[in-house]
């Protein structure tokens, strides 16, 4: 389940619209499904990077940090 998210695709006229239910605000669109997927992936990456940076701001400088991986 590492780095796996659900992409939901719908049509809106000539556009393909995508969203990720697990990450509120992650939306994408494109003239093709592939473009909508790429747009959604970019949105997911931006949101997760922002949340990570936001979460790190509150950690004291002298706190011990360690990376953990969900496999």
PDB file of N, CA and C in Angstrom:
ATOM      1  N   UNK A   1       0.820  -1.195   0.000  1.00  0.00           N
ATOM      2  CA  UNK A   1       0.000   0.000   0.000  1.00  0.00           C
ATOM      3  C   UNK A   1       0.866   1.260   0.000  1.00  0.00           C
ATOM      4  N   UNK A   2       2.094   1.139  -0.261  1.00  0.00           N
ATOM      5  CA  UNK A   2       2.996   2.278  -0.235  1.00  0.00           C
ATOM      6  C   UNK A   2       2.720   3.212  -1.411  1.00  0.00           C
ATOM      7  N   UNK A   3       2.435   4.463  -1.096  1.00  0.00           N
ATOM      8  CA  UNK A   3       2.214   5.493  -2.108  1.00  0.00           C
ATOM      9  C   UNK A   3       1.116   5.139  -3.103  1.00  0.00           C
ATOM     10  N   UNK A   4       0.083   4.489  -2.651  1.00  0.00           N
ATOM     11  CA  UNK A   4      -1.048   4.164  -3.514  1.00  0.00           C
ATOM     12  C   UNK A   4      -2.263   4.974  -3.104  1.00  0.00           C
ATOM     13  N   UNK A   5      -2.895   5.590  -4.086  1.00  0.00           N
ATOM     14  CA  UNK A   5      -4.072   6.399  -3.845  1.00  0.00           C
ATOM     15  C   UNK A   5      -5.130   6.060  -4.894  1.00  0.00           C
ATOM     16  N   UNK A   6      -6.361   6.390  -4.599  1.00  0.00           N
ATOM     17  CA  UNK A   6      -7.461   6.146  -5.522  1.00  0.00           C
ATOM     18  C   UNK A   6      -7.651   7.365  -6.416  1.00  0.00           C
ATOM     19  N   UNK A   7      -7.754   7.135  -7.702  1.00  0.00           N
ATOM     20  CA  UNK A   7      -8.077   8.198  -8.657  1.00  0.00           C
ATOM     21  C   UNK A   7      -9.479   7.931  -9.194  1.00  0.00           C
ATOM     22  N   UNK A   8     -10.348   8.916  -9.094  1.00  0.00           N
ATOM     23  CA  UNK A   8     -11.711   8.818  -9.596  1.00  0.00           C
ATOM     24  C   UNK A   8     -11.812   9.746 -10.806  1.00  0.00           C
ATOM     25  N   UNK A   9     -12.242   9.204 -11.941  1.00  0.00           N
ATOM     26  CA  UNK A   9     -12.336   9.969 -13.185  1.00  0.00           C
ATOM     27  C   UNK A   9     -13.790  10.132 -13.602  1.00  0.00           C
ATOM     28  N   UNK A  10     -14.110  11.326 -14.055  1.00  0.00           N
ATOM     29  CA  UNK A  10     -15.431  11.610 -14.604  1.00  0.00           C
ATOM     30  C   UNK A  10     -15.256  12.469 -15.855  1.00  0.00           C
ATOM     31  N   UNK A  11     -16.270  12.488 -16.676  1.00  0.00           N
ATOM     32  CA  UNK A  11     -16.259  13.335 -17.868  1.00  0.00           C
ATOM     33  C   UNK A  11     -17.107  14.574 -17.601  1.00  0.00           C
ATOM     34  N   UNK A  12     -16.630  15.703 -18.095  1.00  0.00           N
ATOM     35  CA  UNK A  12     -17.391  16.947 -18.052  1.00  0.00           C
ATOM     36  C   UNK A  12     -17.261  17.577 -19.429  1.00  0.00           C
ATOM     37  N   UNK A  13     -18.159  17.206 -20.301  1.00  0.00           N
ATOM     38  CA  UNK A  13     -18.066  17.640 -21.688  1.00  0.00           C
ATOM     39  C   UNK A  13     -16.827  17.045 -22.326  1.00  0.00           C
ATOM     40  N   UNK A  14     -15.972  17.906 -22.857  1.00  0.00           N
ATOM     41  CA  UNK A  14     -14.751  17.456 -23.512  1.00  0.00           C
ATOM     42  C   UNK A  14     -13.619  17.184 -22.523  1.00  0.00           C
ATOM     43  N   UNK A  15     -13.837  17.482 -21.266  1.00  0.00           N
ATOM     44  CA  UNK A  15     -12.785  17.365 -20.261  1.00  0.00           C
ATOM     45  C   UNK A  15     -12.899  16.075 -19.450  1.00  0.00           C
ATOM     46  N   UNK A  16     -11.762  15.577 -19.022  1.00  0.00           N
ATOM     47  CA  UNK A  16     -11.675  14.494 -18.049  1.00  0.00           C
ATOM     48  C   UNK A  16     -11.297  15.153 -16.726  1.00  0.00           C
ATOM     49  N   UNK A  17     -12.051  14.855 -15.681  1.00  0.00           N
ATOM     50  CA  UNK A  17     -11.826  15.438 -14.367  1.00  0.00           C
ATOM     51  C   UNK A  17     -11.481  14.304 -13.407  1.00  0.00           C
ATOM     52  N   UNK A  18     -10.464  14.526 -12.568  1.00  0.00           N
ATOM     53  CA  UNK A  18     -10.018  13.490 -11.647  1.00  0.00           C
ATOM     54  C   UNK A  18      -9.937  14.047 -10.231  1.00  0.00           C
ATOM     55  N   UNK A  19     -10.176  13.176  -9.260  1.00  0.00           N
ATOM     56  CA  UNK A  19      -9.998  13.556  -7.866  1.00  0.00           C
ATOM     57  C   UNK A  19      -9.465  12.360  -7.095  1.00  0.00           C
ATOM     58  N   UNK A  20      -8.939  12.640  -5.921  1.00  0.00           N
ATOM     59  CA  UNK A  20      -8.411  11.596  -5.048  1.00  0.00           C
ATOM     60  C   UNK A  20      -9.152  11.700  -3.714  1.00  0.00           C
ATOM     61  N   UNK A  21     -10.054  10.767  -3.413  1.00  0.00           N
ATOM     62  CA  UNK A  21     -10.847  10.853  -2.191  1.00  0.00           C
ATOM     63  C   UNK A  21     -10.020  10.846  -0.908  1.00  0.00           C
ATOM     64  N   UNK A  22      -8.845  10.220  -0.921  1.00  0.00           N
ATOM     65  CA  UNK A  22      -8.032  10.141   0.290  1.00  0.00           C
ATOM     66  C   UNK A  22      -7.330  11.461   0.616  1.00  0.00           C
ATOM     67  N   UNK A  23      -7.235  12.339  -0.373  1.00  0.00           N
ATOM     68  CA  UNK A  23      -6.517  13.602  -0.175  1.00  0.00           C
ATOM     69  C   UNK A  23      -7.433  14.748  -0.592  1.00  0.00           C
ATOM     70  N   UNK A  24      -8.177  15.301   0.368  1.00  0.00           N
ATOM     71  CA  UNK A  24      -9.090  16.393   0.047  1.00  0.00           C
ATOM     72  C   UNK A  24      -8.353  17.534  -0.665  1.00  0.00           C
ATOM     73  N   UNK A  25      -8.949  18.020  -1.726  1.00  0.00           N
ATOM     74  CA  UNK A  25      -8.354  19.117  -2.487  1.00  0.00           C
ATOM     75  C   UNK A  25      -7.502  18.670  -3.652  1.00  0.00           C
ATOM     76  N   UNK A  26      -7.196  17.380  -3.742  1.00  0.00           N
ATOM     77  CA  UNK A  26      -6.388  16.871  -4.850  1.00  0.00           C
ATOM     78  C   UNK A  26      -7.292  16.604  -6.041  1.00  0.00           C
ATOM     79  N   UNK A  27      -7.209  17.475  -7.030  1.00  0.00           N
ATOM     80  CA  UNK A  27      -8.035  17.388  -8.220  1.00  0.00           C
ATOM     81  C   UNK A  27      -7.169  17.611  -9.451  1.00  0.00           C
ATOM     82  N   UNK A  28      -7.594  17.052 -10.563  1.00  0.00           N
ATOM     83  CA  UNK A  28      -6.888  17.260 -11.820  1.00  0.00           C
ATOM     84  C   UNK A  28      -7.870  17.289 -12.963  1.00  0.00           C
ATOM     85  N   UNK A  29      -7.395  17.782 -14.099  1.00  0.00           N
ATOM     86  CA  UNK A  29      -8.245  17.805 -15.285  1.00  0.00           C
ATOM     87  C   UNK A  29      -7.373  17.777 -16.519  1.00  0.00           C
ATOM     88  N   UNK A  30      -7.971  17.388 -17.621  1.00  0.00           N
ATOM     89  CA  UNK A  30      -7.246  17.373 -18.883  1.00  0.00           C
ATOM     90  C   UNK A  30      -8.167  17.019 -20.028  1.00  0.00           C
ATOM     91  N   UNK A  31      -7.672  17.255 -21.223  1.00  0.00           N
ATOM     92  CA  UNK A  31      -8.451  16.914 -22.417  1.00  0.00           C
ATOM     93  C   UNK A  31      -8.504  15.409 -22.630  1.00  0.00           C
ATOM     94  N   UNK A  32      -7.506  14.699 -22.052  1.00  0.00           N
ATOM     95  CA  UNK A  32      -7.496  13.237 -22.121  1.00  0.00           C
ATOM     96  C   UNK A  32      -7.423  12.696 -20.699  1.00  0.00           C
ATOM     97  N   UNK A  33      -7.727  11.419 -20.555  1.00  0.00           N
ATOM     98  CA  UNK A  33      -7.629  10.792 -19.237  1.00  0.00           C
ATOM     99  C   UNK A  33      -6.185  10.815 -18.748  1.00  0.00           C
ATOM    100  N   UNK A  34      -5.236  10.617 -19.657  1.00  0.00           N
ATOM    101  CA  UNK A  34      -3.816  10.647 -19.288  1.00  0.00           C
ATOM    102  C   UNK A  34      -3.418  12.027 -18.766  1.00  0.00           C
ATOM    103  N   UNK A  35      -3.903  13.086 -19.393  1.00  0.00           N
ATOM    104  CA  UNK A  35      -3.615  14.441 -18.917  1.00  0.00           C
ATOM    105  C   UNK A  35      -4.229  14.682 -17.549  1.00  0.00           C
ATOM    106  N   UNK A  36      -5.446  14.204 -17.348  1.00  0.00           N
ATOM    107  CA  UNK A  36      -6.109  14.356 -16.047  1.00  0.00           C
ATOM    108  C   UNK A  36      -5.366  13.586 -14.970  1.00  0.00           C
ATOM    109  N   UNK A  37      -4.878  12.399 -15.310  1.00  0.00           N
ATOM    110  CA  UNK A  37      -4.112  11.596 -14.354  1.00  0.00           C
ATOM    111  C   UNK A  37      -2.831  12.328 -13.954  1.00  0.00           C
ATOM    112  N   UNK A  38      -2.106  12.862 -14.941  1.00  0.00           N
ATOM    113  CA  UNK A  38      -0.860  13.587 -14.669  1.00  0.00           C
ATOM    114  C   UNK A  38      -1.135  14.814 -13.810  1.00  0.00           C
ATOM    115  N   UNK A  39      -2.200  15.544 -14.129  1.00  0.00           N
ATOM    116  CA  UNK A  39      -2.590  16.720 -13.360  1.00  0.00           C
ATOM    117  C   UNK A  39      -2.921  16.336 -11.917  1.00  0.00           C
ATOM    118  N   UNK A  40      -3.618  15.226 -11.736  1.00  0.00           N
ATOM    119  CA  UNK A  40      -3.952  14.745 -10.398  1.00  0.00           C
ATOM    120  C   UNK A  40      -2.699  14.342  -9.640  1.00  0.00           C
ATOM    121  N   UNK A  41      -1.791  13.636 -10.291  1.00  0.00           N
ATOM    122  CA  UNK A  41      -0.540  13.245  -9.636  1.00  0.00           C
ATOM    123  C   UNK A  41       0.247  14.471  -9.181  1.00  0.00           C
ATOM    124  N   UNK A  42       0.289  15.494 -10.010  1.00  0.00           N
ATOM    125  CA  UNK A  42       0.976  16.732  -9.628  1.00  0.00           C
ATOM    126  C   UNK A  42       0.312  17.367  -8.409  1.00  0.00           C
ATOM    127  N   UNK A  43      -1.025  17.377  -8.391  1.00  0.00           N
ATOM    128  CA  UNK A  43      -1.755  17.948  -7.258  1.00  0.00           C
ATOM    129  C   UNK A  43      -1.486  17.167  -5.981  1.00  0.00           C
ATOM    130  N   UNK A  44      -1.497  15.840  -6.063  1.00  0.00           N
ATOM    131  CA  UNK A  44      -1.215  15.005  -4.892  1.00  0.00           C
ATOM    132  C   UNK A  44       0.184  15.299  -4.368  1.00  0.00           C
ATOM    133  N   UNK A  45       1.172  15.349  -5.258  1.00  0.00           N
ATOM    134  CA  UNK A  45       2.557  15.606  -4.844  1.00  0.00           C
ATOM    135  C   UNK A  45       2.683  16.970  -4.162  1.00  0.00           C
ATOM    136  N   UNK A  46       2.045  17.996  -4.721  1.00  0.00           N
ATOM    137  CA  UNK A  46       2.117  19.329  -4.129  1.00  0.00           C
ATOM    138  C   UNK A  46       1.470  19.377  -2.749  1.00  0.00           C
ATOM    139  N   UNK A  47       0.308  18.765  -2.623  1.00  0.00           N
ATOM    140  CA  UNK A  47      -0.392  18.771  -1.333  1.00  0.00           C
ATOM    141  C   UNK A  47       0.408  18.022  -0.280  1.00  0.00           C
ATOM    142  N   UNK A  48       0.934  16.839  -0.619  1.00  0.00           N
ATOM    143  CA  UNK A  48       1.705  16.074   0.361  1.00  0.00           C
ATOM    144  C   UNK A  48       2.989  16.802   0.755  1.00  0.00           C
ATOM    145  N   UNK A  49       3.658  17.438  -0.197  1.00  0.00           N
ATOM    146  CA  UNK A  49       4.868  18.204   0.116  1.00  0.00           C
ATOM    147  C   UNK A  49       4.541  19.366   1.038  1.00  0.00           C
ATOM    148  N   UNK A  50       3.430  20.046   0.775  1.00  0.00           N
ATOM    149  CA  UNK A  50       3.022  21.164   1.624  1.00  0.00           C
ATOM    150  C   UNK A  50       2.673  20.694   3.033  1.00  0.00           C
ATOM    151  N   UNK A  51       1.957  19.573   3.130  1.00  0.00           N
ATOM    152  CA  UNK A  51       1.586  19.049   4.453  1.00  0.00           C
ATOM    153  C   UNK A  51       2.826  18.617   5.233  1.00  0.00           C
ATOM    154  N   UNK A  52       3.792  18.021   4.536  1.00  0.00           N
ATOM    155  CA  UNK A  52       5.031  17.612   5.193  1.00  0.00           C
ATOM    156  C   UNK A  52       5.775  18.835   5.721  1.00  0.00           C
ATOM    157  N   UNK A  53       5.922  19.845   4.888  1.00  0.00           N
ATOM    158  CA  UNK A  53       6.618  21.064   5.300  1.00  0.00           C
ATOM    159  C   UNK A  53       5.886  21.738   6.452  1.00  0.00           C
ATOM    160  N   UNK A  54       4.575  21.793   6.376  1.00  0.00           N
ATOM    161  CA  UNK A  54       3.776  22.409   7.435  1.00  0.00           C
ATOM    162  C   UNK A  54       3.945  21.652   8.750  1.00  0.00           C
ATOM    163  N   UNK A  55       3.932  20.317   8.680  1.00  0.00           N
ATOM    164  CA  UNK A  55       4.103  19.508   9.889  1.00  0.00           C
ATOM    165  C   UNK A  55       5.484  19.654  10.505  1.00  0.00           C
ATOM    166  N   UNK A  56       6.505  19.832   9.681  1.00  0.00           N
ATOM    167  CA  UNK A  56       7.877  19.956  10.174  1.00  0.00           C
ATOM    168  C   UNK A  56       8.123  21.283  10.879  1.00  0.00           C
ATOM    169  N   UNK A  57       7.359  22.307  10.542  1.00  0.00           N
ATOM    170  CA  UNK A  57       7.563  23.623  11.163  1.00  0.00           C
ATOM    171  C   UNK A  57       7.352  23.597  12.666  1.00  0.00           C
ATOM    172  N   UNK A  58       6.510  22.706  13.151  1.00  0.00           N
ATOM    173  CA  UNK A  58       6.226  22.658  14.577  1.00  0.00           C
ATOM    174  C   UNK A  58       7.149  21.755  15.382  1.00  0.00           C
ATOM    175  N   UNK A  59       8.089  21.093  14.728  1.00  0.00           N
ATOM    176  CA  UNK A  59       8.987  20.171  15.420  1.00  0.00           C
ATOM    177  C   UNK A  59      10.185  20.951  15.968  1.00  0.00           C
ATOM    178  N   UNK A  60      10.460  20.811  17.267  1.00  0.00           N
ATOM    179  CA  UNK A  60      11.615  21.516  17.841  1.00  0.00           C
ATOM    180  C   UNK A  60      12.921  21.112  17.152  1.00  0.00           C
ATOM    181  N   UNK A  61      13.839  22.057  17.024  1.00  0.00           N
ATOM    182  CA  UNK A  61      15.107  21.815  16.333  1.00  0.00           C
ATOM    183  C   UNK A  61      15.919  20.701  16.974  1.00  0.00           C
ATOM    184  N   UNK A  62      15.790  20.522  18.281  1.00  0.00           N
ATOM    185  CA  UNK A  62      16.594  19.503  18.969  1.00  0.00           C
ATOM    186  C   UNK A  62      15.887  18.144  19.070  1.00  0.00           C
ATOM    187  N   UNK A  63      14.733  18.018  18.445  1.00  0.00           N
ATOM    188  CA  UNK A  63      14.006  16.742  18.484  1.00  0.00           C
ATOM    189  C   UNK A  63      14.705  15.717  17.594  1.00  0.00           C
ATOM    190  N   UNK A  64      14.630  14.465  17.995  1.00  0.00           N
ATOM    191  CA  UNK A  64      15.203  13.376  17.192  1.00  0.00           C
ATOM    192  C   UNK A  64      14.242  13.048  16.054  1.00  0.00           C
ATOM    193  N   UNK A  65      14.782  12.994  14.847  1.00  0.00           N
ATOM    194  CA  UNK A  65      13.972  12.706  13.667  1.00  0.00           C
ATOM    195  C   UNK A  65      14.438  11.404  13.042  1.00  0.00           C
ATOM    196  N   UNK A  66      13.493  10.662  12.518  1.00  0.00           N
ATOM    197  CA  UNK A  66      13.790   9.382  11.885  1.00  0.00           C
ATOM    198  C   UNK A  66      12.763   9.138  10.780  1.00  0.00           C
ATOM    199  N   UNK A  67      13.188   8.598   9.675  1.00  0.00           N
ATOM    200  CA  UNK A  67      12.289   8.280   8.580  1.00  0.00           C
ATOM    201  C   UNK A  67      11.755   6.854   8.767  1.00  0.00           C
ATOM    202  N   UNK A  68      10.455   6.708   8.647  1.00  0.00           N
ATOM    203  CA  UNK A  68       9.837   5.386   8.692  1.00  0.00           C
ATOM    204  C   UNK A  68       9.126   5.160   7.360  1.00  0.00           C
ATOM    205  N   UNK A  69       9.077   3.917   6.907  1.00  0.00           N
ATOM    206  CA  UNK A  69       8.478   3.601   5.621  1.00  0.00           C
ATOM    207  C   UNK A  69       7.371   2.588   5.816  1.00  0.00           C
ATOM    208  N   UNK A  70       6.220   2.885   5.283  1.00  0.00           N
ATOM    209  CA  UNK A  70       5.101   1.952   5.282  1.00  0.00           C
ATOM    210  C   UNK A  70       5.215   1.115   4.018  1.00  0.00           C
ATOM    211  N   UNK A  71       5.429  -0.173   4.182  1.00  0.00           N
ATOM    212  CA  UNK A  71       5.628  -1.050   3.023  1.00  0.00           C
ATOM    213  C   UNK A  71       4.358  -1.737   2.631  1.00  0.00           C
TER     214      UNK A  71
END
